[in-house]
Amino acid sequence: MGGHGTRVNAVMSETGEQEKIDIIVWKENILEYIAEALSPTKVAKSTVDDKTMKAQSLVPEDQLSIAIGKSGQKRPPGQQTHWL
């Protein structure tokens, strides 16, 4: 991310004050990546089907709004990868 967040600040200055960005730590393991992408939500359970490339995650009901973001704007991990 650069010293003092310089890379993040550069991206944010390009996108403008209204745009928000999520920084997700890359994980080779898809289950770990899903948990990172849904952070700070505590994922109760995730399952993956390697054959169909589909994943499903369960989060506590009281954290659902955190998982989907404000007005459903948070991109699901499947949109960030080749998984559905």
C-alpha atoms as a PDB file:
ATOM      1  CA  MET A   1       0.000   0.000   0.000  1.00  0.00           C
ATOM      2  CA  GLY A   2       3.044   2.207   0.114  1.00  0.00           C
ATOM      3  CA  GLY A   3       4.473   4.285   2.888  1.00  0.00           C
ATOM      4  CA  HIS A   4       1.798   6.278   4.714  1.00  0.00           C
ATOM      5  CA  GLY A   5      -0.839   4.840   2.375  1.00  0.00           C
ATOM      6  CA  THR A   6       0.469   6.728  -0.655  1.00  0.00           C
ATOM      7  CA  ARG A   7      -0.904   4.212  -3.164  1.00  0.00           C
ATOM      8  CA  VAL A   8      -4.309   4.199  -1.522  1.00  0.00           C
ATOM      9  CA  ASN A   9      -4.329   7.990  -1.391  1.00  0.00           C
ATOM     10  CA  ALA A  10      -3.414   8.162  -5.090  1.00  0.00           C
ATOM     11  CA  VAL A  11      -6.297   5.849  -6.021  1.00  0.00           C
ATOM     12  CA  MET A  12      -8.711   7.759  -3.819  1.00  0.00           C
ATOM     13  CA  SER A  13      -7.688  11.097  -5.351  1.00  0.00           C
ATOM     14  CA  GLU A  14      -8.385   9.643  -8.808  1.00  0.00           C
ATOM     15  CA  THR A  15     -11.804   8.257  -7.859  1.00  0.00           C
ATOM     16  CA  GLY A  16     -12.973  11.289  -5.907  1.00  0.00           C
ATOM     17  CA  GLU A  17     -14.267  11.855  -2.426  1.00  0.00           C
ATOM     18  CA  GLN A  18     -17.620  10.143  -3.021  1.00  0.00           C
ATOM     19  CA  GLU A  19     -16.155   6.815  -4.136  1.00  0.00           C
ATOM     20  CA  LYS A  20     -15.172   4.269  -1.487  1.00  0.00           C
ATOM     21  CA  ILE A  21     -12.668   1.463  -1.961  1.00  0.00           C
ATOM     22  CA  ASP A  22     -12.110  -1.813  -0.151  1.00  0.00           C
ATOM     23  CA  ILE A  23      -8.628  -3.208   0.250  1.00  0.00           C
ATOM     24  CA  ILE A  24      -8.634  -6.984   0.420  1.00  0.00           C
ATOM     25  CA  VAL A  25      -5.597  -9.026   1.354  1.00  0.00           C
ATOM     26  CA  TRP A  26      -5.068 -11.667  -1.332  1.00  0.00           C
ATOM     27  CA  LYS A  27      -5.266 -15.284  -0.186  1.00  0.00           C
ATOM     28  CA  GLU A  28      -4.643 -18.294  -2.439  1.00  0.00           C
ATOM     29  CA  ASN A  29      -7.166 -20.316  -0.431  1.00  0.00           C
ATOM     30  CA  ILE A  30     -10.627 -19.297  -1.648  1.00  0.00           C
ATOM     31  CA  LEU A  31     -12.222 -19.763   1.796  1.00  0.00           C
ATOM     32  CA  GLU A  32      -9.659 -17.443   3.373  1.00  0.00           C
ATOM     33  CA  TYR A  33     -10.120 -14.932   0.555  1.00  0.00           C
ATOM     34  CA  ILE A  34     -13.898 -14.925   1.012  1.00  0.00           C
ATOM     35  CA  ALA A  35     -13.442 -14.239   4.732  1.00  0.00           C
ATOM     36  CA  GLU A  36     -11.060 -11.352   3.907  1.00  0.00           C
ATOM     37  CA  ALA A  37     -13.474  -9.913   1.331  1.00  0.00           C
ATOM     38  CA  LEU A  38     -16.401  -9.997   3.752  1.00  0.00           C
ATOM     39  CA  SER A  39     -14.367  -8.485   6.595  1.00  0.00           C
ATOM     40  CA  PRO A  40     -15.162  -7.033   9.102  1.00  0.00           C
ATOM     41  CA  THR A  41     -18.110  -9.424   9.035  1.00  0.00           C
ATOM     42  CA  LYS A  42     -17.463 -12.640  10.939  1.00  0.00           C
ATOM     43  CA  VAL A  43     -18.172 -15.449   8.479  1.00  0.00           C
ATOM     44  CA  ALA A  44     -19.964 -18.292  10.279  1.00  0.00           C
ATOM     45  CA  LYS A  45     -19.454 -20.821   7.493  1.00  0.00           C
ATOM     46  CA  SER A  46     -18.337 -20.948   3.885  1.00  0.00           C
ATOM     47  CA  THR A  47     -18.584 -23.813   1.459  1.00  0.00           C
ATOM     48  CA  VAL A  48     -17.116 -24.159  -2.009  1.00  0.00           C
ATOM     49  CA  ASP A  49     -17.752 -26.503  -4.893  1.00  0.00           C
ATOM     50  CA  ASP A  50     -14.573 -26.727  -6.955  1.00  0.00           C
ATOM     51  CA  LYS A  51     -16.379 -28.472  -9.788  1.00  0.00           C
ATOM     52  CA  THR A  52     -18.990 -25.748 -10.390  1.00  0.00           C
ATOM     53  CA  MET A  53     -16.793 -22.886  -9.065  1.00  0.00           C
ATOM     54  CA  LYS A  54     -19.553 -21.776  -6.695  1.00  0.00           C
ATOM     55  CA  ALA A  55     -19.148 -20.604  -3.126  1.00  0.00           C
ATOM     56  CA  GLN A  56     -21.663 -19.828  -0.409  1.00  0.00           C
ATOM     57  CA  SER A  57     -21.081 -17.992   2.861  1.00  0.00           C
ATOM     58  CA  LEU A  58     -23.242 -17.653   5.935  1.00  0.00           C
ATOM     59  CA  VAL A  59     -22.923 -14.641   8.199  1.00  0.00           C
ATOM     60  CA  PRO A  60     -24.770 -13.839  11.421  1.00  0.00           C
ATOM     61  CA  GLU A  61     -28.029 -11.988  10.765  1.00  0.00           C
ATOM     62  CA  ASP A  62     -26.920  -9.002  12.832  1.00  0.00           C
ATOM     63  CA  GLN A  63     -23.874  -8.614  10.546  1.00  0.00           C
ATOM     64  CA  LEU A  64     -25.665  -9.034   7.216  1.00  0.00           C
ATOM     65  CA  SER A  65     -25.743  -5.290   6.534  1.00  0.00           C
ATOM     66  CA  ILE A  66     -21.968  -5.148   7.084  1.00  0.00           C
ATOM     67  CA  ALA A  67     -21.420  -8.028   4.651  1.00  0.00           C
ATOM     68  CA  ILE A  68     -23.420  -6.442   1.819  1.00  0.00           C
ATOM     69  CA  GLY A  69     -22.389  -2.853   2.512  1.00  0.00           C
ATOM     70  CA  LYS A  70     -24.368   0.351   2.405  1.00  0.00           C
ATOM     71  CA  SER A  71     -27.245  -0.007  -0.058  1.00  0.00           C
ATOM     72  CA  GLY A  72     -25.789  -3.332  -1.201  1.00  0.00           C
ATOM     73  CA  GLN A  73     -22.767  -1.627  -2.763  1.00  0.00           C
ATOM     74  CA  LYS A  74     -20.104  -3.962  -1.423  1.00  0.00           C
ATOM     75  CA  ARG A  75     -18.999  -6.265  -4.226  1.00  0.00           C
ATOM     76  CA  PRO A  76     -19.333  -9.931  -3.370  1.00  0.00           C
ATOM     77  CA  PRO A  77     -16.108 -11.959  -3.464  1.00  0.00           C
ATOM     78  CA  GLY A  78     -17.451 -13.835  -6.494  1.00  0.00           C
ATOM     79  CA  GLN A  79     -17.403 -10.644  -8.554  1.00  0.00           C
ATOM     80  CA  GLN A  80     -13.778 -10.091  -7.614  1.00  0.00           C
ATOM     81  CA  THR A  81     -12.711 -13.569  -8.695  1.00  0.00           C
ATOM     82  CA  HIS A  82     -13.837 -16.253 -11.140  1.00  0.00           C
ATOM     83  CA  TRP A  83     -15.994 -17.854  -8.432  1.00  0.00           C
ATOM     84  CA  LEU A  84     -19.774 -17.391  -8.343  1.00  0.00           C
END
